[in-house]
Amino acid sequence: PPRPPTWPGRQLTGQNRHAILLVPGQDGTTVTDAYVTWATQQPKQITTDPYLAYRFIPERKNVARRRTIRRADASRAWWRDLETLLLAPDEHGTHRRPAIFDTLNDLPEPVRRSLRIRVHGFDQDGKVIDRQWYTALTQPLLNWTQEHDPVKAQRIAECCREAEHAAHRLATVAKQAWDTVTHGRTTQPPWAGKALTRYWPKAETVFWRLLDEPGTEAPTAFAAAAAAALREVTEAARIRHTSAGRAVAHAVRDLYRQPSTPRKAA
């Protein structure tokens, strides 16, 4: 059986072990073949990397597989994960911030007010050779954690959820509008992807503004950003075709009418 993993070396590099079997030649001084196999039949031990965020999937029957690493995504801006980073661990929550944050909360307030977090991501499909890595430096955010400013933390969590909800609705209504105009003749509707590309920079601007405007309704603000993005990518089509203008108008109406996601209690 494998030895208990210790931090950092064995936990980072010793979780997958292999054994190599060499097949000797007749005189025993040469190798004629080799086999590579697992070094143990014991299941991998469950460990926690204190610098990684985790997701919990309750519906999975296998207890060991209910907790998964929050995978890196090069197209995802760091602010979209602020909800995970700032909220305190919750046994009913679906995300768990890096455990190192539990220690950082004990830092003196002057340090918390100035300390930034550097984010590293390595985004790679297991079947490709090309690698894409990224890094980002956050604003000082430790004083926004739920332990120190629960009102701010809940406002940030609300805005993160509403931004994601608006993005989901934008993708849905953009596809519906495209299908209406083209009568479903194409399988790759371009409006949805292009609109999301325009939406996320706008959503980030809205996000930071909403943190300074606690009285502003987040669903309406993000719906406006989504509507602006959709109008931008469909401008040429709306000028040329009346049907496109009508379909986009219905899509924008749906963006504003869609009810907000349920909010978590503070």
C-alpha atoms as a PDB file:
ATOM      1  CA  PRO A   1       0.000   0.000   0.000  1.00  0.00           C
ATOM      2  CA  PRO A   2       1.157   3.582  -0.625  1.00  0.00           C
ATOM      3  CA  ARG A   3       2.572   5.580   2.236  1.00  0.00           C
ATOM      4  CA  PRO A   4       0.424   8.374   3.705  1.00  0.00           C
ATOM      5  CA  PRO A   5       0.798  11.505   1.549  1.00  0.00           C
ATOM      6  CA  THR A   6       2.548  14.468   3.116  1.00  0.00           C
ATOM      7  CA  TRP A   7       2.531  18.078   1.981  1.00  0.00           C
ATOM      8  CA  PRO A   8       3.803  19.236  -0.392  1.00  0.00           C
ATOM      9  CA  GLY A   9       6.028  16.759  -2.230  1.00  0.00           C
ATOM     10  CA  ARG A  10       4.310  13.417  -1.821  1.00  0.00           C
ATOM     11  CA  GLN A  11       0.829  14.901  -2.166  1.00  0.00           C
ATOM     12  CA  LEU A  12       1.688  16.678  -5.422  1.00  0.00           C
ATOM     13  CA  THR A  13       3.841  14.010  -7.078  1.00  0.00           C
ATOM     14  CA  GLY A  14       3.326  10.732  -5.213  1.00  0.00           C
ATOM     15  CA  GLN A  15      -0.352  10.011  -5.782  1.00  0.00           C
ATOM     16  CA  ASN A  16       0.194   8.069  -9.005  1.00  0.00           C
ATOM     17  CA  ARG A  17       2.870   5.382  -8.748  1.00  0.00           C
ATOM     18  CA  HIS A  18       4.030   2.970 -11.422  1.00  0.00           C
ATOM     19  CA  ALA A  19       6.035  -0.243 -11.461  1.00  0.00           C
ATOM     20  CA  ILE A  20       8.335  -1.311 -14.270  1.00  0.00           C
ATOM     21  CA  LEU A  21       8.963  -5.007 -14.988  1.00  0.00           C
ATOM     22  CA  LEU A  22      12.095  -5.701 -17.046  1.00  0.00           C
ATOM     23  CA  VAL A  23      12.299  -8.956 -19.009  1.00  0.00           C
ATOM     24  CA  PRO A  24      15.931 -10.213 -19.003  1.00  0.00           C
ATOM     25  CA  GLY A  25      17.788 -11.734 -21.916  1.00  0.00           C
ATOM     26  CA  GLN A  26      19.181 -15.252 -21.825  1.00  0.00           C
ATOM     27  CA  ASP A  27      22.434 -14.252 -20.159  1.00  0.00           C
ATOM     28  CA  GLY A  28      20.753 -11.947 -17.649  1.00  0.00           C
ATOM     29  CA  THR A  29      22.845  -8.931 -18.664  1.00  0.00           C
ATOM     30  CA  THR A  30      20.429  -7.465 -21.204  1.00  0.00           C
ATOM     31  CA  VAL A  31      16.760  -6.468 -21.277  1.00  0.00           C
ATOM     32  CA  THR A  32      14.521  -7.805 -24.027  1.00  0.00           C
ATOM     33  CA  ASP A  33      11.218  -6.230 -23.032  1.00  0.00           C
ATOM     34  CA  ALA A  34       9.578  -4.022 -20.411  1.00  0.00           C
ATOM     35  CA  TYR A  35       6.128  -3.603 -18.928  1.00  0.00           C
ATOM     36  CA  VAL A  36       4.711  -0.580 -17.123  1.00  0.00           C
ATOM     37  CA  THR A  37       1.856  -1.055 -14.689  1.00  0.00           C
ATOM     38  CA  TRP A  38       0.350   0.444 -11.554  1.00  0.00           C
ATOM     39  CA  ALA A  39       2.496  -0.005  -8.460  1.00  0.00           C
ATOM     40  CA  THR A  40      -0.465  -0.699  -6.195  1.00  0.00           C
ATOM     41  CA  GLN A  41      -4.043  -1.888  -6.430  1.00  0.00           C
ATOM     42  CA  GLN A  42      -5.077   0.225  -3.469  1.00  0.00           C
ATOM     43  CA  PRO A  43      -7.383   3.195  -4.215  1.00  0.00           C
ATOM     44  CA  LYS A  44      -5.858   6.652  -4.281  1.00  0.00           C
ATOM     45  CA  GLN A  45      -5.935   8.284  -0.880  1.00  0.00           C
ATOM     46  CA  ILE A  46      -8.192  11.320  -0.487  1.00  0.00           C
ATOM     47  CA  THR A  47      -6.136  14.415   0.213  1.00  0.00           C
ATOM     48  CA  THR A  48      -6.765  18.162   0.179  1.00  0.00           C
ATOM     49  CA  ASP A  49      -4.492  20.588  -1.608  1.00  0.00           C
ATOM     50  CA  PRO A  50      -4.757  23.779   0.472  1.00  0.00           C
ATOM     51  CA  TYR A  51      -4.253  25.968  -2.601  1.00  0.00           C
ATOM     52  CA  LEU A  52      -7.032  24.474  -4.742  1.00  0.00           C
ATOM     53  CA  ALA A  53     -10.772  25.113  -4.807  1.00  0.00           C
ATOM     54  CA  TYR A  54     -13.090  22.095  -4.810  1.00  0.00           C
ATOM     55  CA  ARG A  55     -16.579  21.282  -6.053  1.00  0.00           C
ATOM     56  CA  PHE A  56     -19.033  18.926  -4.348  1.00  0.00           C
ATOM     57  CA  ILE A  57     -21.479  16.884  -6.420  1.00  0.00           C
ATOM     58  CA  PRO A  58     -23.974  15.349  -3.958  1.00  0.00           C
ATOM     59  CA  GLU A  59     -25.822  13.255  -6.553  1.00  0.00           C
ATOM     60  CA  ARG A  60     -22.781  11.059  -7.229  1.00  0.00           C
ATOM     61  CA  LYS A  61     -23.169   7.680  -5.524  1.00  0.00           C
ATOM     62  CA  ASN A  62     -19.427   7.121  -5.149  1.00  0.00           C
ATOM     63  CA  VAL A  63     -18.465   9.091  -2.048  1.00  0.00           C
ATOM     64  CA  ALA A  64     -14.831   9.368  -3.149  1.00  0.00           C
ATOM     65  CA  ARG A  65     -15.904  11.009  -6.422  1.00  0.00           C
ATOM     66  CA  ARG A  66     -18.333  13.532  -4.945  1.00  0.00           C
ATOM     67  CA  ARG A  67     -15.511  15.985  -4.365  1.00  0.00           C
ATOM     68  CA  THR A  68     -13.693  17.183  -7.479  1.00  0.00           C
ATOM     69  CA  ILE A  69     -11.085  19.832  -8.164  1.00  0.00           C
ATOM     70  CA  ARG A  70     -12.381  23.109  -9.556  1.00  0.00           C
ATOM     71  CA  ARG A  71     -10.789  22.910 -12.999  1.00  0.00           C
ATOM     72  CA  ALA A  72      -8.948  25.823 -14.566  1.00  0.00           C
ATOM     73  CA  ASP A  73     -10.632  27.624 -17.458  1.00  0.00           C
ATOM     74  CA  ALA A  74      -8.552  30.073 -19.469  1.00  0.00           C
ATOM     75  CA  SER A  75     -11.693  31.828 -20.711  1.00  0.00           C
ATOM     76  CA  ARG A  76     -12.998  32.463 -17.204  1.00  0.00           C
ATOM     77  CA  ALA A  77     -12.014  35.721 -15.461  1.00  0.00           C
ATOM     78  CA  TRP A  78     -10.922  35.396 -11.831  1.00  0.00           C
ATOM     79  CA  TRP A  79     -13.671  37.653 -10.465  1.00  0.00           C
ATOM     80  CA  ARG A  80     -16.280  35.080 -11.480  1.00  0.00           C
ATOM     81  CA  ASP A  81     -14.970  32.789  -8.698  1.00  0.00           C
ATOM     82  CA  LEU A  82     -15.096  35.388  -5.948  1.00  0.00           C
ATOM     83  CA  GLU A  83     -18.177  33.739  -4.469  1.00  0.00           C
ATOM     84  CA  THR A  84     -16.163  30.564  -3.912  1.00  0.00           C
ATOM     85  CA  LEU A  85     -13.170  32.407  -2.473  1.00  0.00           C
ATOM     86  CA  LEU A  86     -15.021  34.644  -0.024  1.00  0.00           C
ATOM     87  CA  LEU A  87     -17.809  32.554   1.468  1.00  0.00           C
ATOM     88  CA  ALA A  88     -16.990  30.523   4.569  1.00  0.00           C
ATOM     89  CA  PRO A  89     -17.084  26.724   4.284  1.00  0.00           C
ATOM     90  CA  ASP A  90     -20.662  25.441   4.277  1.00  0.00           C
ATOM     91  CA  GLU A  91     -21.515  21.760   4.657  1.00  0.00           C
ATOM     92  CA  HIS A  92     -24.463  22.275   2.311  1.00  0.00           C
ATOM     93  CA  GLY A  93     -22.521  24.322  -0.255  1.00  0.00           C
ATOM     94  CA  THR A  94     -21.360  23.028  -3.631  1.00  0.00           C
ATOM     95  CA  HIS A  95     -17.975  24.785  -3.564  1.00  0.00           C
ATOM     96  CA  ARG A  96     -15.129  24.954  -1.081  1.00  0.00           C
ATOM     97  CA  ARG A  97     -12.566  27.721  -1.186  1.00  0.00           C
ATOM     98  CA  PRO A  98      -8.844  26.861  -0.851  1.00  0.00           C
ATOM     99  CA  ALA A  99      -8.131  25.838   2.731  1.00  0.00           C
ATOM    100  CA  ILE A 100      -5.296  28.370   2.920  1.00  0.00           C
ATOM    101  CA  PHE A 101      -7.957  31.091   3.164  1.00  0.00           C
ATOM    102  CA  ASP A 102      -8.961  29.804   6.590  1.00  0.00           C
ATOM    103  CA  THR A 103      -5.479  30.708   7.817  1.00  0.00           C
ATOM    104  CA  LEU A 104      -5.281  34.026   5.986  1.00  0.00           C
ATOM    105  CA  ASN A 105      -8.305  35.257   7.899  1.00  0.00           C
ATOM    106  CA  ASP A 106      -6.148  35.359  11.039  1.00  0.00           C
ATOM    107  CA  LEU A 107      -3.764  37.925   9.568  1.00  0.00           C
ATOM    108  CA  PRO A 108      -3.704  41.431  11.102  1.00  0.00           C
ATOM    109  CA  GLU A 109      -6.182  43.825   9.508  1.00  0.00           C
ATOM    110  CA  PRO A 110      -3.519  46.118   7.948  1.00  0.00           C
ATOM    111  CA  VAL A 111      -2.091  43.087   6.146  1.00  0.00           C
ATOM    112  CA  ARG A 112      -5.514  41.869   5.029  1.00  0.00           C
ATOM    113  CA  ARG A 113      -6.324  45.261   3.567  1.00  0.00           C
ATOM    114  CA  SER A 114      -3.309  45.196   1.265  1.00  0.00           C
ATOM    115  CA  LEU A 115      -2.682  41.506   0.553  1.00  0.00           C
ATOM    116  CA  ARG A 116      -3.507  40.344  -2.965  1.00  0.00           C
ATOM    117  CA  ILE A 117      -3.987  36.810  -4.239  1.00  0.00           C
ATOM    118  CA  ARG A 118      -2.152  35.494  -7.276  1.00  0.00           C
ATOM    119  CA  VAL A 119      -4.176  33.031  -9.315  1.00  0.00           C
ATOM    120  CA  HIS A 120      -2.474  30.382 -11.447  1.00  0.00           C
ATOM    121  CA  GLY A 121      -4.309  28.196 -13.919  1.00  0.00           C
ATOM    122  CA  PHE A 122      -3.168  25.403 -16.213  1.00  0.00           C
ATOM    123  CA  ASP A 123      -5.910  24.702 -18.728  1.00  0.00           C
ATOM    124  CA  GLN A 124      -5.241  21.603 -20.810  1.00  0.00           C
ATOM    125  CA  ASP A 125      -7.334  18.892 -22.373  1.00  0.00           C
ATOM    126  CA  GLY A 126      -5.835  15.510 -21.554  1.00  0.00           C
ATOM    127  CA  LYS A 127      -5.882  14.502 -25.220  1.00  0.00           C
ATOM    128  CA  VAL A 128      -3.981  17.455 -26.673  1.00  0.00           C
ATOM    129  CA  ILE A 129      -0.368  18.556 -26.615  1.00  0.00           C
ATOM    130  CA  ASP A 130      -0.864  22.322 -26.557  1.00  0.00           C
ATOM    131  CA  ARG A 131      -0.939  23.871 -23.091  1.00  0.00           C
ATOM    132  CA  GLN A 132      -2.539  27.124 -22.051  1.00  0.00           C
ATOM    133  CA  TRP A 133      -1.630  28.620 -18.694  1.00  0.00           C
ATOM    134  CA  TYR A 134      -2.540  31.937 -17.199  1.00  0.00           C
ATOM    135  CA  THR A 135      -2.018  34.017 -14.104  1.00  0.00           C
ATOM    136  CA  ALA A 136      -3.838  36.962 -12.553  1.00  0.00           C
ATOM    137  CA  LEU A 137      -3.386  39.208  -9.548  1.00  0.00           C
ATOM    138  CA  THR A 138      -6.552  40.029  -7.630  1.00  0.00           C
ATOM    139  CA  GLN A 139      -7.446  43.192  -5.823  1.00  0.00           C
ATOM    140  CA  PRO A 140      -7.024  43.136  -2.025  1.00  0.00           C
ATOM    141  CA  LEU A 141     -10.022  41.000  -1.105  1.00  0.00           C
ATOM    142  CA  LEU A 142      -9.375  39.293   2.235  1.00  0.00           C
ATOM    143  CA  ASN A 143     -11.369  41.909   4.121  1.00  0.00           C
ATOM    144  CA  TRP A 144     -14.363  40.914   2.001  1.00  0.00           C
ATOM    145  CA  THR A 145     -14.504  37.375   3.338  1.00  0.00           C
ATOM    146  CA  GLN A 146     -17.666  36.282   5.093  1.00  0.00           C
ATOM    147  CA  GLU A 147     -15.869  36.180   8.439  1.00  0.00           C
ATOM    148  CA  HIS A 148     -14.924  39.865   8.246  1.00  0.00           C
ATOM    149  CA  ASP A 149     -17.648  41.475   6.136  1.00  0.00           C
ATOM    150  CA  PRO A 150     -20.648  39.147   5.713  1.00  0.00           C
ATOM    151  CA  VAL A 151     -22.781  41.803   4.009  1.00  0.00           C
ATOM    152  CA  LYS A 152     -20.113  42.471   1.368  1.00  0.00           C
ATOM    153  CA  ALA A 153     -19.455  38.764   0.889  1.00  0.00           C
ATOM    154  CA  GLN A 154     -23.140  38.040   0.316  1.00  0.00           C
ATOM    155  CA  ARG A 155     -23.441  40.966  -2.117  1.00  0.00           C
ATOM    156  CA  ILE A 156     -20.474  39.639  -4.079  1.00  0.00           C
ATOM    157  CA  ALA A 157     -21.951  36.136  -4.088  1.00  0.00           C
ATOM    158  CA  GLU A 158     -25.286  37.503  -5.309  1.00  0.00           C
ATOM    159  CA  CYS A 159     -23.628  39.447  -8.131  1.00  0.00           C
ATOM    160  CA  CYS A 160     -21.553  36.441  -9.190  1.00  0.00           C
ATOM    161  CA  ARG A 161     -24.646  34.255  -9.388  1.00  0.00           C
ATOM    162  CA  GLU A 162     -26.655  36.880 -11.273  1.00  0.00           C
ATOM    163  CA  ALA A 163     -23.815  37.385 -13.766  1.00  0.00           C
ATOM    164  CA  GLU A 164     -23.710  33.648 -14.496  1.00  0.00           C
ATOM    165  CA  HIS A 165     -27.492  33.469 -14.696  1.00  0.00           C
ATOM    166  CA  ALA A 166     -27.626  36.330 -17.206  1.00  0.00           C
ATOM    167  CA  ALA A 167     -24.933  34.626 -19.297  1.00  0.00           C
ATOM    168  CA  HIS A 168     -26.926  31.407 -19.361  1.00  0.00           C
ATOM    169  CA  ARG A 169     -30.064  33.255 -20.395  1.00  0.00           C
ATOM    170  CA  LEU A 170     -28.159  35.187 -23.049  1.00  0.00           C
ATOM    171  CA  ALA A 171     -26.865  31.977 -24.632  1.00  0.00           C
ATOM    172  CA  THR A 172     -30.374  30.520 -24.603  1.00  0.00           C
ATOM    173  CA  VAL A 173     -32.271  33.467 -26.078  1.00  0.00           C
ATOM    174  CA  ALA A 174     -29.528  34.192 -28.643  1.00  0.00           C
ATOM    175  CA  LYS A 175     -29.800  30.636 -29.940  1.00  0.00           C
ATOM    176  CA  GLN A 176     -33.592  30.853 -30.004  1.00  0.00           C
ATOM    177  CA  ALA A 177     -33.454  34.120 -31.944  1.00  0.00           C
ATOM    178  CA  TRP A 178     -31.022  32.658 -34.465  1.00  0.00           C
ATOM    179  CA  ASP A 179     -33.178  29.556 -34.922  1.00  0.00           C
ATOM    180  CA  THR A 180     -36.218  31.765 -35.473  1.00  0.00           C
ATOM    181  CA  VAL A 181     -34.483  33.795 -38.184  1.00  0.00           C
ATOM    182  CA  THR A 182     -32.883  30.813 -39.953  1.00  0.00           C
ATOM    183  CA  HIS A 183     -35.789  28.416 -39.294  1.00  0.00           C
ATOM    184  CA  GLY A 184     -33.321  26.032 -37.630  1.00  0.00           C
ATOM    185  CA  ARG A 185     -31.405  25.314 -40.833  1.00  0.00           C
ATOM    186  CA  THR A 186     -27.965  25.669 -39.196  1.00  0.00           C
ATOM    187  CA  THR A 187     -26.573  23.691 -36.275  1.00  0.00           C
ATOM    188  CA  GLN A 188     -23.990  26.251 -35.129  1.00  0.00           C
ATOM    189  CA  PRO A 189     -25.734  29.499 -34.182  1.00  0.00           C
ATOM    190  CA  PRO A 190     -23.013  32.193 -34.150  1.00  0.00           C
ATOM    191  CA  TRP A 191     -24.955  34.787 -32.176  1.00  0.00           C
ATOM    192  CA  ALA A 192     -24.706  32.950 -28.861  1.00  0.00           C
ATOM    193  CA  GLY A 193     -20.900  32.624 -28.807  1.00  0.00           C
ATOM    194  CA  LYS A 194     -20.285  36.129 -30.110  1.00  0.00           C
ATOM    195  CA  ALA A 195     -22.748  37.642 -27.668  1.00  0.00           C
ATOM    196  CA  LEU A 196     -21.095  35.914 -24.710  1.00  0.00           C
ATOM    197  CA  THR A 197     -17.697  37.190 -25.849  1.00  0.00           C
ATOM    198  CA  ARG A 198     -19.082  40.741 -25.767  1.00  0.00           C
ATOM    199  CA  TYR A 199     -21.048  40.152 -22.576  1.00  0.00           C
ATOM    200  CA  TRP A 200     -18.344  39.145 -20.105  1.00  0.00           C
ATOM    201  CA  PRO A 201     -16.234  42.348 -20.290  1.00  0.00           C
ATOM    202  CA  LYS A 202     -19.447  44.340 -19.834  1.00  0.00           C
ATOM    203  CA  ALA A 203     -20.487  42.083 -16.956  1.00  0.00           C
ATOM    204  CA  GLU A 204     -17.192  42.697 -15.162  1.00  0.00           C
ATOM    205  CA  THR A 205     -17.725  46.460 -15.357  1.00  0.00           C
ATOM    206  CA  VAL A 206     -21.254  46.023 -14.024  1.00  0.00           C
ATOM    207  CA  PHE A 207     -20.012  43.716 -11.257  1.00  0.00           C
ATOM    208  CA  TRP A 208     -17.565  46.214  -9.775  1.00  0.00           C
ATOM    209  CA  ARG A 209     -20.094  49.029 -10.076  1.00  0.00           C
ATOM    210  CA  LEU A 210     -22.728  47.018  -8.218  1.00  0.00           C
ATOM    211  CA  LEU A 211     -20.382  46.513  -5.269  1.00  0.00           C
ATOM    212  CA  ASP A 212     -20.422  50.288  -4.769  1.00  0.00           C
ATOM    213  CA  GLU A 213     -24.185  50.474  -5.319  1.00  0.00           C
ATOM    214  CA  PRO A 214     -25.782  48.065  -2.824  1.00  0.00           C
ATOM    215  CA  GLY A 215     -29.250  49.366  -3.625  1.00  0.00           C
ATOM    216  CA  THR A 216     -29.061  48.571  -7.361  1.00  0.00           C
ATOM    217  CA  GLU A 217     -30.834  45.422  -8.513  1.00  0.00           C
ATOM    218  CA  ALA A 218     -28.205  43.002  -9.840  1.00  0.00           C
ATOM    219  CA  PRO A 219     -30.553  40.989 -12.138  1.00  0.00           C
ATOM    220  CA  THR A 220     -31.615  44.113 -14.047  1.00  0.00           C
ATOM    221  CA  ALA A 221     -28.066  45.417 -14.358  1.00  0.00           C
ATOM    222  CA  PHE A 222     -26.702  42.163 -15.794  1.00  0.00           C
ATOM    223  CA  ALA A 223     -29.729  41.767 -18.056  1.00  0.00           C
ATOM    224  CA  ALA A 224     -28.937  45.201 -19.496  1.00  0.00           C
ATOM    225  CA  ALA A 225     -25.330  44.134 -20.166  1.00  0.00           C
ATOM    226  CA  ALA A 226     -26.547  40.959 -21.855  1.00  0.00           C
ATOM    227  CA  ALA A 227     -29.059  42.897 -23.969  1.00  0.00           C
ATOM    228  CA  ALA A 228     -26.372  45.367 -25.054  1.00  0.00           C
ATOM    229  CA  ALA A 229     -24.065  42.514 -26.086  1.00  0.00           C
ATOM    230  CA  LEU A 230     -26.813  40.825 -28.098  1.00  0.00           C
ATOM    231  CA  ARG A 231     -27.746  44.057 -29.871  1.00  0.00           C
ATOM    232  CA  GLU A 232     -24.111  44.671 -30.814  1.00  0.00           C
ATOM    233  CA  VAL A 233     -23.530  41.291 -32.465  1.00  0.00           C
ATOM    234  CA  THR A 234     -26.863  41.369 -34.297  1.00  0.00           C
ATOM    235  CA  GLU A 235     -26.746  44.968 -35.503  1.00  0.00           C
ATOM    236  CA  ALA A 236     -25.924  44.160 -39.137  1.00  0.00           C
ATOM    237  CA  ALA A 237     -28.572  41.424 -39.326  1.00  0.00           C
ATOM    238  CA  ARG A 238     -31.233  43.679 -37.796  1.00  0.00           C
ATOM    239  CA  ILE A 239     -30.527  46.378 -40.371  1.00  0.00           C
ATOM    240  CA  ARG A 240     -30.863  43.951 -43.284  1.00  0.00           C
ATOM    241  CA  HIS A 241     -33.715  41.769 -42.104  1.00  0.00           C
ATOM    242  CA  THR A 242     -36.922  42.747 -40.339  1.00  0.00           C
ATOM    243  CA  SER A 243     -37.305  39.209 -39.018  1.00  0.00           C
ATOM    244  CA  ALA A 244     -33.929  39.482 -37.247  1.00  0.00           C
ATOM    245  CA  GLY A 245     -34.952  42.731 -35.578  1.00  0.00           C
ATOM    246  CA  ARG A 246     -38.180  41.165 -34.377  1.00  0.00           C
ATOM    247  CA  ALA A 247     -36.451  38.033 -33.065  1.00  0.00           C
ATOM    248  CA  VAL A 248     -33.789  40.026 -31.215  1.00  0.00           C
ATOM    249  CA  ALA A 249     -36.446  42.300 -29.697  1.00  0.00           C
ATOM    250  CA  HIS A 250     -38.218  39.245 -28.299  1.00  0.00           C
ATOM    251  CA  ALA A 251     -34.904  37.895 -26.996  1.00  0.00           C
ATOM    252  CA  VAL A 252     -34.124  41.158 -25.193  1.00  0.00           C
ATOM    253  CA  ARG A 253     -37.584  41.142 -23.656  1.00  0.00           C
ATOM    254  CA  ASP A 254     -36.973  37.617 -22.370  1.00  0.00           C
ATOM    255  CA  LEU A 255     -33.663  38.672 -20.825  1.00  0.00           C
ATOM    256  CA  TYR A 256     -35.440  41.216 -18.656  1.00  0.00           C
ATOM    257  CA  ARG A 257     -38.458  39.058 -17.900  1.00  0.00           C
ATOM    258  CA  GLN A 258     -36.577  35.949 -16.808  1.00  0.00           C
ATOM    259  CA  PRO A 259     -36.887  35.575 -13.013  1.00  0.00           C
ATOM    260  CA  SER A 260     -33.689  35.754 -10.994  1.00  0.00           C
ATOM    261  CA  THR A 261     -31.894  32.757  -9.517  1.00  0.00           C
ATOM    262  CA  PRO A 262     -32.818  31.882  -5.923  1.00  0.00           C
ATOM    263  CA  ARG A 263     -30.653  33.681  -3.392  1.00  0.00           C
ATOM    264  CA  LYS A 264     -28.899  32.009  -0.498  1.00  0.00           C
ATOM    265  CA  ALA A 265     -29.664  33.185   2.968  1.00  0.00           C
ATOM    266  CA  ALA A 266     -26.983  35.315   4.594  1.00  0.00           C
END
